[in-house]
Amino acid sequence: MKHPFGFFIIQLLASGTLLHAADPIRVLVWDEQQPEQKQGYGGKFLGETIAAHLATRPGLSVRTARLDDPAQGLGDAALAASDVMVFWCHRRVKEQDDARMEAVVKRVMEGKLGFIGLHSTHWGKPFVRLMQERAKTDAIQSLPPSARAEATWEYLNTSPYYQPVGRALRITPFVQKGEGTLWKLTLPACVFPVYRNDGMPSHVTTLLPQHPIAAGLPPQWDIPRTEMYGEPFHVPPPDEVVFEEKWDKGENFRSGCLWKVGQGRVFYFRPGHETYPVFQQAEPLRVLENAVRWAAPDSDP
């Protein structure tokens, strides 16, 4: 007589040979919760919308935090319970607590936390600090091997927040030779010379269709209404650029950039203006889901 399928499941459970399902990726969606977000998201905040979507996806466990939470939602226990952070901010960057943001940076660099920065997070303190640390690593590697061990460093442009750049400004970061063993590193401004908030469409090209972040994305797709950011983006050269955005007036932007910083993974995704429902659109939501899975510690390269 054949045993029913359930019998074999019971036997496997009893013997301990049935593999446990993988632990979910623990996602923390952090949002400044700018009131204008409710214009684009039906009376809800942008971060709430993202979190609600990600929570429907298999293998993800999702929580939210905001600037006005105790410890800005980034206490040690909250960070220890997170594998990936999705971060959105805009007008209240200078209110971000330095100690809490440095705790985020430390965990990213230790390879314990993946970081995904959205839109105006280009000036968020964790993103800026991560770009500064990557710039320092790149600067050391740019020196002749014989000069690296004895080099001393002076860092310029340490606080770029809300400091605009013009087209004529030399693209940051860059290294200059000082006297003796001194080298000067102008840190990245983490901004761009032009932007235009007219709600015109952007046209996205998937540059690396085989990359995990591009899984399920078409070769080209549009965002119907968005803000424009125009190159050059003052950041360290990305390890890879997954998406490029263009606008009908001729601007372009590297809109899906990734870096390794220390032992951690960082992804910057440009779309996400607060008054346009970008994260109610299937393609940007797919980008975020893919990025969360890519950025998680111990995920495949």
C-alpha atoms as a PDB file:
ATOM      1  CA  MET A   1       0.000   0.000   0.000  1.00  0.00           C
ATOM      2  CA  LYS A   2       1.320   3.458  -0.909  1.00  0.00           C
ATOM      3  CA  HIS A   3       1.733   5.930   1.917  1.00  0.00           C
ATOM      4  CA  PRO A   4       0.117   9.361   1.421  1.00  0.00           C
ATOM      5  CA  PHE A   5       2.409  12.319   0.726  1.00  0.00           C
ATOM      6  CA  GLY A   6       1.751  13.748   4.189  1.00  0.00           C
ATOM      7  CA  PHE A   7       3.275  10.629   5.751  1.00  0.00           C
ATOM      8  CA  PHE A   8       6.630  11.368   4.134  1.00  0.00           C
ATOM      9  CA  ILE A   9       6.515  14.992   5.303  1.00  0.00           C
ATOM     10  CA  ILE A  10       5.934  13.783   8.870  1.00  0.00           C
ATOM     11  CA  GLN A  11       8.819  11.353   8.570  1.00  0.00           C
ATOM     12  CA  LEU A  12      11.133  14.054   7.220  1.00  0.00           C
ATOM     13  CA  LEU A  13      10.176  16.427  10.006  1.00  0.00           C
ATOM     14  CA  ALA A  14      10.774  13.734  12.596  1.00  0.00           C
ATOM     15  CA  SER A  15      14.192  12.921  11.160  1.00  0.00           C
ATOM     16  CA  GLY A  16      15.223  16.566  10.897  1.00  0.00           C
ATOM     17  CA  THR A  17      16.115  16.222   7.221  1.00  0.00           C
ATOM     18  CA  LEU A  18      13.478  18.665   5.936  1.00  0.00           C
ATOM     19  CA  LEU A  19      15.217  21.955   5.246  1.00  0.00           C
ATOM     20  CA  HIS A  20      13.886  25.029   7.004  1.00  0.00           C
ATOM     21  CA  ALA A  21      12.724  27.906   4.857  1.00  0.00           C
ATOM     22  CA  ALA A  22      15.341  30.658   4.584  1.00  0.00           C
ATOM     23  CA  ASP A  23      15.013  33.458   7.089  1.00  0.00           C
ATOM     24  CA  PRO A  24      13.315  36.512   5.591  1.00  0.00           C
ATOM     25  CA  ILE A  25      15.297  39.600   4.653  1.00  0.00           C
ATOM     26  CA  ARG A  26      14.555  42.196   7.335  1.00  0.00           C
ATOM     27  CA  VAL A  27      13.841  45.524   5.654  1.00  0.00           C
ATOM     28  CA  LEU A  28      13.653  48.886   7.425  1.00  0.00           C
ATOM     29  CA  VAL A  29      12.002  51.639   5.356  1.00  0.00           C
ATOM     30  CA  TRP A  30      13.110  54.988   6.813  1.00  0.00           C
ATOM     31  CA  ASP A  31      11.198  58.100   5.775  1.00  0.00           C
ATOM     32  CA  GLU A  32      11.428  61.752   6.730  1.00  0.00           C
ATOM     33  CA  GLN A  33       7.656  61.793   6.090  1.00  0.00           C
ATOM     34  CA  GLN A  34       7.545  65.115   4.310  1.00  0.00           C
ATOM     35  CA  PRO A  35       3.873  66.240   4.330  1.00  0.00           C
ATOM     36  CA  GLU A  36       3.894  66.915   0.577  1.00  0.00           C
ATOM     37  CA  GLN A  37       4.236  63.172  -0.008  1.00  0.00           C
ATOM     38  CA  LYS A  38       0.531  62.812   0.699  1.00  0.00           C
ATOM     39  CA  GLN A  39      -0.230  64.698  -2.528  1.00  0.00           C
ATOM     40  CA  GLY A  40       1.186  61.854  -4.581  1.00  0.00           C
ATOM     41  CA  TYR A  41       0.226  58.897  -2.418  1.00  0.00           C
ATOM     42  CA  GLY A  42      -3.457  59.282  -1.683  1.00  0.00           C
ATOM     43  CA  GLY A  43      -3.062  60.798   1.755  1.00  0.00           C
ATOM     44  CA  LYS A  44      -0.317  58.371   2.791  1.00  0.00           C
ATOM     45  CA  PHE A  45       3.391  58.840   3.177  1.00  0.00           C
ATOM     46  CA  LEU A  46       5.829  57.627   0.536  1.00  0.00           C
ATOM     47  CA  GLY A  47       7.622  55.312   2.957  1.00  0.00           C
ATOM     48  CA  GLU A  48       4.359  53.722   4.065  1.00  0.00           C
ATOM     49  CA  THR A  49       3.511  53.013   0.425  1.00  0.00           C
ATOM     50  CA  ILE A  50       6.865  51.386  -0.251  1.00  0.00           C
ATOM     51  CA  ALA A  51       6.708  49.321   2.931  1.00  0.00           C
ATOM     52  CA  ALA A  52       3.176  48.126   2.209  1.00  0.00           C
ATOM     53  CA  HIS A  53       4.249  46.881  -1.204  1.00  0.00           C
ATOM     54  CA  LEU A  54       7.447  45.200  -0.043  1.00  0.00           C
ATOM     55  CA  ALA A  55       5.526  43.466   2.734  1.00  0.00           C
ATOM     56  CA  THR A  56       3.511  41.611   0.090  1.00  0.00           C
ATOM     57  CA  ARG A  57       6.631  40.144  -1.508  1.00  0.00           C
ATOM     58  CA  PRO A  58       7.865  36.681  -0.514  1.00  0.00           C
ATOM     59  CA  GLY A  59      10.840  36.412   1.796  1.00  0.00           C
ATOM     60  CA  LEU A  60      10.724  39.997   3.054  1.00  0.00           C
ATOM     61  CA  SER A  61       9.908  41.153   6.584  1.00  0.00           C
ATOM     62  CA  VAL A  62       9.271  44.900   6.576  1.00  0.00           C
ATOM     63  CA  ARG A  63       9.181  47.613   9.251  1.00  0.00           C
ATOM     64  CA  THR A  64       9.022  51.405   9.017  1.00  0.00           C
ATOM     65  CA  ALA A  65      10.765  54.222  10.881  1.00  0.00           C
ATOM     66  CA  ARG A  66      10.720  58.003  10.660  1.00  0.00           C
ATOM     67  CA  LEU A  67      12.732  61.024  11.671  1.00  0.00           C
ATOM     68  CA  ASP A  68      10.385  61.904  14.543  1.00  0.00           C
ATOM     69  CA  ASP A  69      10.584  58.470  16.206  1.00  0.00           C
ATOM     70  CA  PRO A  70      12.628  58.023  19.397  1.00  0.00           C
ATOM     71  CA  ALA A  71      16.302  57.770  18.391  1.00  0.00           C
ATOM     72  CA  GLN A  72      14.967  58.698  14.931  1.00  0.00           C
ATOM     73  CA  GLY A  73      13.940  55.067  14.544  1.00  0.00           C
ATOM     74  CA  LEU A  74      17.584  54.037  14.380  1.00  0.00           C
ATOM     75  CA  GLY A  75      18.394  52.772  17.835  1.00  0.00           C
ATOM     76  CA  ASP A  76      20.925  49.981  18.178  1.00  0.00           C
ATOM     77  CA  ALA A  77      18.227  47.322  18.556  1.00  0.00           C
ATOM     78  CA  ALA A  78      16.385  48.548  15.449  1.00  0.00           C
ATOM     79  CA  LEU A  79      19.568  48.480  13.397  1.00  0.00           C
ATOM     80  CA  ALA A  80      20.538  45.040  14.682  1.00  0.00           C
ATOM     81  CA  ALA A  81      17.113  43.795  13.547  1.00  0.00           C
ATOM     82  CA  SER A  82      17.604  45.095   9.987  1.00  0.00           C
ATOM     83  CA  ASP A  83      19.383  43.597   6.976  1.00  0.00           C
ATOM     84  CA  VAL A  84      18.575  46.341   4.452  1.00  0.00           C
ATOM     85  CA  MET A  85      17.579  49.986   4.858  1.00  0.00           C
ATOM     86  CA  VAL A  86      15.546  51.917   2.275  1.00  0.00           C
ATOM     87  CA  PHE A  87      16.066  55.629   2.992  1.00  0.00           C
ATOM     88  CA  TRP A  88      14.139  58.725   1.872  1.00  0.00           C
ATOM     89  CA  CYS A  89      14.753  62.291   3.054  1.00  0.00           C
ATOM     90  CA  HIS A  90      14.661  65.829   1.724  1.00  0.00           C
ATOM     91  CA  ARG A  91      14.179  69.044   3.686  1.00  0.00           C
ATOM     92  CA  ARG A  92      15.201  67.986   7.208  1.00  0.00           C
ATOM     93  CA  VAL A  93      18.647  66.553   6.550  1.00  0.00           C
ATOM     94  CA  LYS A  94      20.371  68.756   9.126  1.00  0.00           C
ATOM     95  CA  GLU A  95      18.037  67.367  11.801  1.00  0.00           C
ATOM     96  CA  GLN A  96      19.387  63.870  11.231  1.00  0.00           C
ATOM     97  CA  ASP A  97      21.288  62.889  14.362  1.00  0.00           C
ATOM     98  CA  ASP A  98      24.969  62.437  13.583  1.00  0.00           C
ATOM     99  CA  ALA A  99      25.484  59.599  16.058  1.00  0.00           C
ATOM    100  CA  ARG A 100      22.504  57.604  14.757  1.00  0.00           C
ATOM    101  CA  MET A 101      23.517  58.164  11.139  1.00  0.00           C
ATOM    102  CA  GLU A 102      27.096  57.132  11.892  1.00  0.00           C
ATOM    103  CA  ALA A 103      25.708  53.946  13.435  1.00  0.00           C
ATOM    104  CA  VAL A 104      24.032  53.234  10.082  1.00  0.00           C
ATOM    105  CA  VAL A 105      27.280  53.891   8.201  1.00  0.00           C
ATOM    106  CA  LYS A 106      29.245  51.638  10.556  1.00  0.00           C
ATOM    107  CA  ARG A 107      26.891  48.697  10.037  1.00  0.00           C
ATOM    108  CA  VAL A 108      26.947  49.152   6.273  1.00  0.00           C
ATOM    109  CA  MET A 109      30.731  49.211   6.177  1.00  0.00           C
ATOM    110  CA  GLU A 110      30.897  46.123   8.381  1.00  0.00           C
ATOM    111  CA  GLY A 111      28.734  44.281   5.867  1.00  0.00           C
ATOM    112  CA  LYS A 112      25.823  43.945   8.285  1.00  0.00           C
ATOM    113  CA  LEU A 113      23.382  46.287   6.509  1.00  0.00           C
ATOM    114  CA  GLY A 114      22.630  47.055   2.873  1.00  0.00           C
ATOM    115  CA  PHE A 115      21.709  50.663   2.061  1.00  0.00           C
ATOM    116  CA  ILE A 116      19.306  51.914  -0.635  1.00  0.00           C
ATOM    117  CA  GLY A 117      19.065  55.684  -1.027  1.00  0.00           C
ATOM    118  CA  LEU A 118      16.155  57.210  -2.936  1.00  0.00           C
ATOM    119  CA  HIS A 119      15.943  60.509  -4.815  1.00  0.00           C
ATOM    120  CA  SER A 120      16.795  63.460  -2.523  1.00  0.00           C
ATOM    121  CA  THR A 121      18.693  61.114  -0.218  1.00  0.00           C
ATOM    122  CA  HIS A 122      21.702  62.188  -2.296  1.00  0.00           C
ATOM    123  CA  TRP A 123      22.170  64.670   0.570  1.00  0.00           C
ATOM    124  CA  GLY A 124      21.049  62.339   3.347  1.00  0.00           C
ATOM    125  CA  LYS A 125      23.757  62.017   5.983  1.00  0.00           C
ATOM    126  CA  PRO A 126      24.212  58.241   5.677  1.00  0.00           C
ATOM    127  CA  PHE A 127      24.569  58.426   1.887  1.00  0.00           C
ATOM    128  CA  VAL A 128      26.967  61.379   2.006  1.00  0.00           C
ATOM    129  CA  ARG A 129      29.106  59.693   4.637  1.00  0.00           C
ATOM    130  CA  LEU A 130      29.191  56.434   2.708  1.00  0.00           C
ATOM    131  CA  MET A 131      30.255  58.296  -0.418  1.00  0.00           C
ATOM    132  CA  GLN A 132      32.952  60.071   1.590  1.00  0.00           C
ATOM    133  CA  GLU A 133      34.297  56.774   2.873  1.00  0.00           C
ATOM    134  CA  ARG A 134      34.312  55.308  -0.618  1.00  0.00           C
ATOM    135  CA  ALA A 135      36.104  58.425  -1.895  1.00  0.00           C
ATOM    136  CA  LYS A 136      38.784  57.963   0.768  1.00  0.00           C
ATOM    137  CA  THR A 137      39.327  54.364  -0.296  1.00  0.00           C
ATOM    138  CA  ASP A 138      39.510  55.349  -3.958  1.00  0.00           C
ATOM    139  CA  ALA A 139      41.939  58.174  -3.149  1.00  0.00           C
ATOM    140  CA  ILE A 140      44.360  55.839  -1.400  1.00  0.00           C
ATOM    141  CA  GLN A 141      44.197  53.405  -4.300  1.00  0.00           C
ATOM    142  CA  SER A 142      44.940  56.230  -6.754  1.00  0.00           C
ATOM    143  CA  LEU A 143      48.362  56.879  -5.223  1.00  0.00           C
ATOM    144  CA  PRO A 144      51.507  55.094  -6.324  1.00  0.00           C
ATOM    145  CA  PRO A 145      51.963  52.013  -4.100  1.00  0.00           C
ATOM    146  CA  SER A 146      55.185  53.481  -2.687  1.00  0.00           C
ATOM    147  CA  ALA A 147      53.302  56.570  -1.426  1.00  0.00           C
ATOM    148  CA  ARG A 148      50.311  54.921   0.208  1.00  0.00           C
ATOM    149  CA  ALA A 149      51.804  53.837   3.516  1.00  0.00           C
ATOM    150  CA  GLU A 150      53.325  57.210   4.426  1.00  0.00           C
ATOM    151  CA  ALA A 151      50.594  59.441   3.009  1.00  0.00           C
ATOM    152  CA  THR A 152      48.806  61.883   5.284  1.00  0.00           C
ATOM    153  CA  TRP A 153      45.448  63.339   4.325  1.00  0.00           C
ATOM    154  CA  GLU A 154      43.570  66.609   4.549  1.00  0.00           C
ATOM    155  CA  TYR A 155      39.847  66.349   3.772  1.00  0.00           C
ATOM    156  CA  LEU A 156      38.001  69.264   2.194  1.00  0.00           C
ATOM    157  CA  ASN A 157      34.250  69.799   1.656  1.00  0.00           C
ATOM    158  CA  THR A 158      33.319  67.685   4.674  1.00  0.00           C
ATOM    159  CA  SER A 159      29.808  69.153   4.994  1.00  0.00           C
ATOM    160  CA  PRO A 160      28.259  69.534   1.530  1.00  0.00           C
ATOM    161  CA  TYR A 161      24.616  69.575   2.649  1.00  0.00           C
ATOM    162  CA  TYR A 162      22.483  72.056   0.702  1.00  0.00           C
ATOM    163  CA  GLN A 163      25.566  73.499  -1.023  1.00  0.00           C
ATOM    164  CA  PRO A 164      24.831  73.789  -4.770  1.00  0.00           C
ATOM    165  CA  VAL A 165      27.411  73.214  -7.479  1.00  0.00           C
ATOM    166  CA  GLY A 166      27.752  74.949 -10.833  1.00  0.00           C
ATOM    167  CA  ARG A 167      28.612  73.387 -14.163  1.00  0.00           C
ATOM    168  CA  ALA A 168      32.063  74.980 -14.067  1.00  0.00           C
ATOM    169  CA  LEU A 169      32.984  73.424 -10.728  1.00  0.00           C
ATOM    170  CA  ARG A 170      35.490  70.605 -10.921  1.00  0.00           C
ATOM    171  CA  ILE A 171      33.704  67.307 -10.421  1.00  0.00           C
ATOM    172  CA  THR A 172      34.173  66.007  -6.907  1.00  0.00           C
ATOM    173  CA  PRO A 173      35.766  63.972  -5.404  1.00  0.00           C
ATOM    174  CA  PHE A 174      39.329  64.705  -6.510  1.00  0.00           C
ATOM    175  CA  VAL A 175      42.867  64.428  -5.091  1.00  0.00           C
ATOM    176  CA  GLN A 176      45.589  67.077  -5.070  1.00  0.00           C
ATOM    177  CA  LYS A 177      49.199  66.803  -3.958  1.00  0.00           C
ATOM    178  CA  GLY A 178      50.247  68.858  -0.952  1.00  0.00           C
ATOM    179  CA  GLU A 179      53.688  69.382   0.537  1.00  0.00           C
ATOM    180  CA  GLY A 180      55.792  66.404   1.486  1.00  0.00           C
ATOM    181  CA  THR A 181      53.632  63.381   2.235  1.00  0.00           C
ATOM    182  CA  LEU A 182      50.417  65.436   2.408  1.00  0.00           C
ATOM    183  CA  TRP A 183      47.568  64.782  -0.007  1.00  0.00           C
ATOM    184  CA  LYS A 184      44.341  66.764  -0.168  1.00  0.00           C
ATOM    185  CA  LEU A 185      41.044  65.037  -0.932  1.00  0.00           C
ATOM    186  CA  THR A 186      38.060  67.200  -1.867  1.00  0.00           C
ATOM    187  CA  LEU A 187      35.154  65.009  -0.827  1.00  0.00           C
ATOM    188  CA  PRO A 188      32.093  64.456  -3.049  1.00  0.00           C
ATOM    189  CA  ALA A 189      29.428  67.159  -3.116  1.00  0.00           C
ATOM    190  CA  CYS A 190      26.783  64.445  -3.638  1.00  0.00           C
ATOM    191  CA  VAL A 191      24.727  66.765  -5.838  1.00  0.00           C
ATOM    192  CA  PHE A 192      24.428  67.900  -9.483  1.00  0.00           C
ATOM    193  CA  PRO A 193      24.370  71.293 -11.206  1.00  0.00           C
ATOM    194  CA  VAL A 194      20.796  71.315 -12.553  1.00  0.00           C
ATOM    195  CA  TYR A 195      17.330  70.100 -11.635  1.00  0.00           C
ATOM    196  CA  ARG A 196      13.868  70.899 -12.914  1.00  0.00           C
ATOM    197  CA  ASN A 197      10.649  70.076 -11.134  1.00  0.00           C
ATOM    198  CA  ASP A 198       8.168  70.375 -13.969  1.00  0.00           C
ATOM    199  CA  GLY A 199       6.681  66.874 -13.774  1.00  0.00           C
ATOM    200  CA  MET A 200       7.754  65.906 -17.275  1.00  0.00           C
ATOM    201  CA  PRO A 201       8.357  62.244 -18.128  1.00  0.00           C
ATOM    202  CA  SER A 202      11.717  60.534 -17.976  1.00  0.00           C
ATOM    203  CA  HIS A 203      12.834  57.662 -20.175  1.00  0.00           C
ATOM    204  CA  VAL A 204      14.733  54.908 -18.392  1.00  0.00           C
ATOM    205  CA  THR A 205      17.162  52.542 -20.100  1.00  0.00           C
ATOM    206  CA  THR A 206      18.183  49.312 -18.399  1.00  0.00           C
ATOM    207  CA  LEU A 207      21.935  49.328 -19.038  1.00  0.00           C
ATOM    208  CA  LEU A 208      22.758  46.024 -17.317  1.00  0.00           C
ATOM    209  CA  PRO A 209      19.846  43.664 -18.042  1.00  0.00           C
ATOM    210  CA  GLN A 210      21.689  40.692 -16.495  1.00  0.00           C
ATOM    211  CA  HIS A 211      22.234  42.425 -13.156  1.00  0.00           C
ATOM    212  CA  PRO A 212      20.021  41.151 -10.287  1.00  0.00           C
ATOM    213  CA  ILE A 213      18.616  44.654  -9.741  1.00  0.00           C
ATOM    214  CA  ALA A 214      17.377  44.659 -13.356  1.00  0.00           C
ATOM    215  CA  ALA A 215      15.585  41.305 -13.121  1.00  0.00           C
ATOM    216  CA  GLY A 216      12.142  41.507 -14.752  1.00  0.00           C
ATOM    217  CA  LEU A 217      12.660  45.073 -16.024  1.00  0.00           C
ATOM    218  CA  PRO A 218      12.167  45.900 -19.725  1.00  0.00           C
ATOM    219  CA  PRO A 219      15.018  47.369 -21.809  1.00  0.00           C
ATOM    220  CA  GLN A 220      13.285  50.766 -21.819  1.00  0.00           C
ATOM    221  CA  TRP A 221      10.502  52.156 -19.666  1.00  0.00           C
ATOM    222  CA  ASP A 222       9.082  55.573 -18.796  1.00  0.00           C
ATOM    223  CA  ILE A 223       8.188  57.370 -15.584  1.00  0.00           C
ATOM    224  CA  PRO A 224       5.198  59.534 -16.600  1.00  0.00           C
ATOM    225  CA  ARG A 225       5.773  62.387 -14.136  1.00  0.00           C
ATOM    226  CA  THR A 226       8.988  63.104 -12.265  1.00  0.00           C
ATOM    227  CA  GLU A 227      11.570  65.707 -11.348  1.00  0.00           C
ATOM    228  CA  MET A 228      14.693  66.040 -13.493  1.00  0.00           C
ATOM    229  CA  TYR A 229      18.242  65.765 -12.126  1.00  0.00           C
ATOM    230  CA  GLY A 230      21.012  66.553 -14.636  1.00  0.00           C
ATOM    231  CA  GLU A 231      24.591  65.249 -14.742  1.00  0.00           C
ATOM    232  CA  PRO A 232      27.318  65.443 -13.638  1.00  0.00           C
ATOM    233  CA  PHE A 233      26.490  63.712 -10.358  1.00  0.00           C
ATOM    234  CA  HIS A 234      29.276  64.523  -7.872  1.00  0.00           C
ATOM    235  CA  VAL A 235      29.890  61.071  -6.389  1.00  0.00           C
ATOM    236  CA  PRO A 236      32.748  58.541  -6.594  1.00  0.00           C
ATOM    237  CA  PRO A 237      32.640  56.551  -9.834  1.00  0.00           C
ATOM    238  CA  PRO A 238      30.062  53.794  -9.316  1.00  0.00           C
ATOM    239  CA  ASP A 239      31.121  50.168  -9.557  1.00  0.00           C
ATOM    240  CA  GLU A 240      28.181  49.664 -11.900  1.00  0.00           C
ATOM    241  CA  VAL A 241      25.366  51.765 -13.370  1.00  0.00           C
ATOM    242  CA  VAL A 242      22.227  49.686 -13.830  1.00  0.00           C
ATOM    243  CA  PHE A 243      19.839  52.384 -15.133  1.00  0.00           C
ATOM    244  CA  GLU A 244      20.146  55.647 -17.037  1.00  0.00           C
ATOM    245  CA  GLU A 245      17.409  58.276 -17.254  1.00  0.00           C
ATOM    246  CA  LYS A 246      16.929  60.818 -20.058  1.00  0.00           C
ATOM    247  CA  TRP A 247      14.524  63.702 -20.572  1.00  0.00           C
ATOM    248  CA  ASP A 248      13.082  65.216 -23.730  1.00  0.00           C
ATOM    249  CA  LYS A 249      14.991  68.481 -23.198  1.00  0.00           C
ATOM    250  CA  GLY A 250      18.292  66.595 -23.412  1.00  0.00           C
ATOM    251  CA  GLU A 251      19.348  65.963 -19.809  1.00  0.00           C
ATOM    252  CA  ASN A 252      20.527  62.588 -18.576  1.00  0.00           C
ATOM    253  CA  PHE A 253      21.369  61.015 -15.230  1.00  0.00           C
ATOM    254  CA  ARG A 254      22.953  57.817 -13.910  1.00  0.00           C
ATOM    255  CA  SER A 255      19.815  56.826 -12.074  1.00  0.00           C
ATOM    256  CA  GLY A 256      20.721  53.416 -10.698  1.00  0.00           C
ATOM    257  CA  CYS A 257      24.250  53.417  -9.248  1.00  0.00           C
ATOM    258  CA  LEU A 258      25.873  50.905  -6.950  1.00  0.00           C
ATOM    259  CA  TRP A 259      29.032  50.817  -4.892  1.00  0.00           C
ATOM    260  CA  LYS A 260      30.779  48.558  -2.452  1.00  0.00           C
ATOM    261  CA  VAL A 261      31.704  50.593   0.629  1.00  0.00           C
ATOM    262  CA  GLY A 262      33.792  48.718   3.123  1.00  0.00           C
ATOM    263  CA  GLN A 263      32.139  45.317   3.236  1.00  0.00           C
ATOM    264  CA  GLY A 264      28.643  46.632   2.462  1.00  0.00           C
ATOM    265  CA  ARG A 265      26.502  47.315  -0.588  1.00  0.00           C
ATOM    266  CA  VAL A 266      25.026  50.712  -1.467  1.00  0.00           C
ATOM    267  CA  PHE A 267      22.480  51.426  -4.210  1.00  0.00           C
ATOM    268  CA  TYR A 268      21.231  54.873  -5.220  1.00  0.00           C
ATOM    269  CA  PHE A 269      17.980  55.083  -7.198  1.00  0.00           C
ATOM    270  CA  ARG A 270      17.212  58.604  -8.443  1.00  0.00           C
ATOM    271  CA  PRO A 271      13.398  58.533  -8.959  1.00  0.00           C
ATOM    272  CA  GLY A 272      11.058  59.233  -6.049  1.00  0.00           C
ATOM    273  CA  HIS A 273      10.012  62.888  -5.864  1.00  0.00           C
ATOM    274  CA  GLU A 274       7.524  63.433  -3.076  1.00  0.00           C
ATOM    275  CA  THR A 275       4.584  64.792  -5.094  1.00  0.00           C
ATOM    276  CA  TYR A 276       4.607  62.269  -7.952  1.00  0.00           C
ATOM    277  CA  PRO A 277       3.368  58.685  -7.377  1.00  0.00           C
ATOM    278  CA  VAL A 278       6.561  57.062  -8.660  1.00  0.00           C
ATOM    279  CA  PHE A 279       6.292  54.213  -6.173  1.00  0.00           C
ATOM    280  CA  GLN A 280       2.824  53.282  -7.274  1.00  0.00           C
ATOM    281  CA  GLN A 281       4.317  52.262 -10.629  1.00  0.00           C
ATOM    282  CA  ALA A 282       5.267  48.631 -11.249  1.00  0.00           C
ATOM    283  CA  GLU A 283       8.782  49.217 -12.604  1.00  0.00           C
ATOM    284  CA  PRO A 284      10.199  51.371  -9.763  1.00  0.00           C
ATOM    285  CA  LEU A 285       8.649  49.008  -7.225  1.00  0.00           C
ATOM    286  CA  ARG A 286      10.327  46.082  -8.965  1.00  0.00           C
ATOM    287  CA  VAL A 287      13.640  47.945  -8.823  1.00  0.00           C
ATOM    288  CA  LEU A 288      13.256  48.370  -5.064  1.00  0.00           C
ATOM    289  CA  GLU A 289      12.376  44.737  -4.462  1.00  0.00           C
ATOM    290  CA  ASN A 290      15.322  43.588  -6.552  1.00  0.00           C
ATOM    291  CA  ALA A 291      17.652  46.051  -4.827  1.00  0.00           C
ATOM    292  CA  VAL A 292      16.591  44.856  -1.387  1.00  0.00           C
ATOM    293  CA  ARG A 293      17.423  41.280  -2.314  1.00  0.00           C
ATOM    294  CA  TRP A 294      20.752  42.318  -3.870  1.00  0.00           C
ATOM    295  CA  ALA A 295      21.819  44.552  -0.964  1.00  0.00           C
ATOM    296  CA  ALA A 296      21.097  42.042   1.800  1.00  0.00           C
ATOM    297  CA  PRO A 297      24.212  40.722   3.548  1.00  0.00           C
ATOM    298  CA  ASP A 298      25.352  37.322   2.229  1.00  0.00           C
ATOM    299  CA  SER A 299      23.251  37.642  -0.927  1.00  0.00           C
ATOM    300  CA  ASP A 300      24.725  36.507  -4.245  1.00  0.00           C
ATOM    301  CA  PRO A 301      26.902  39.107  -6.042  1.00  0.00           C
END
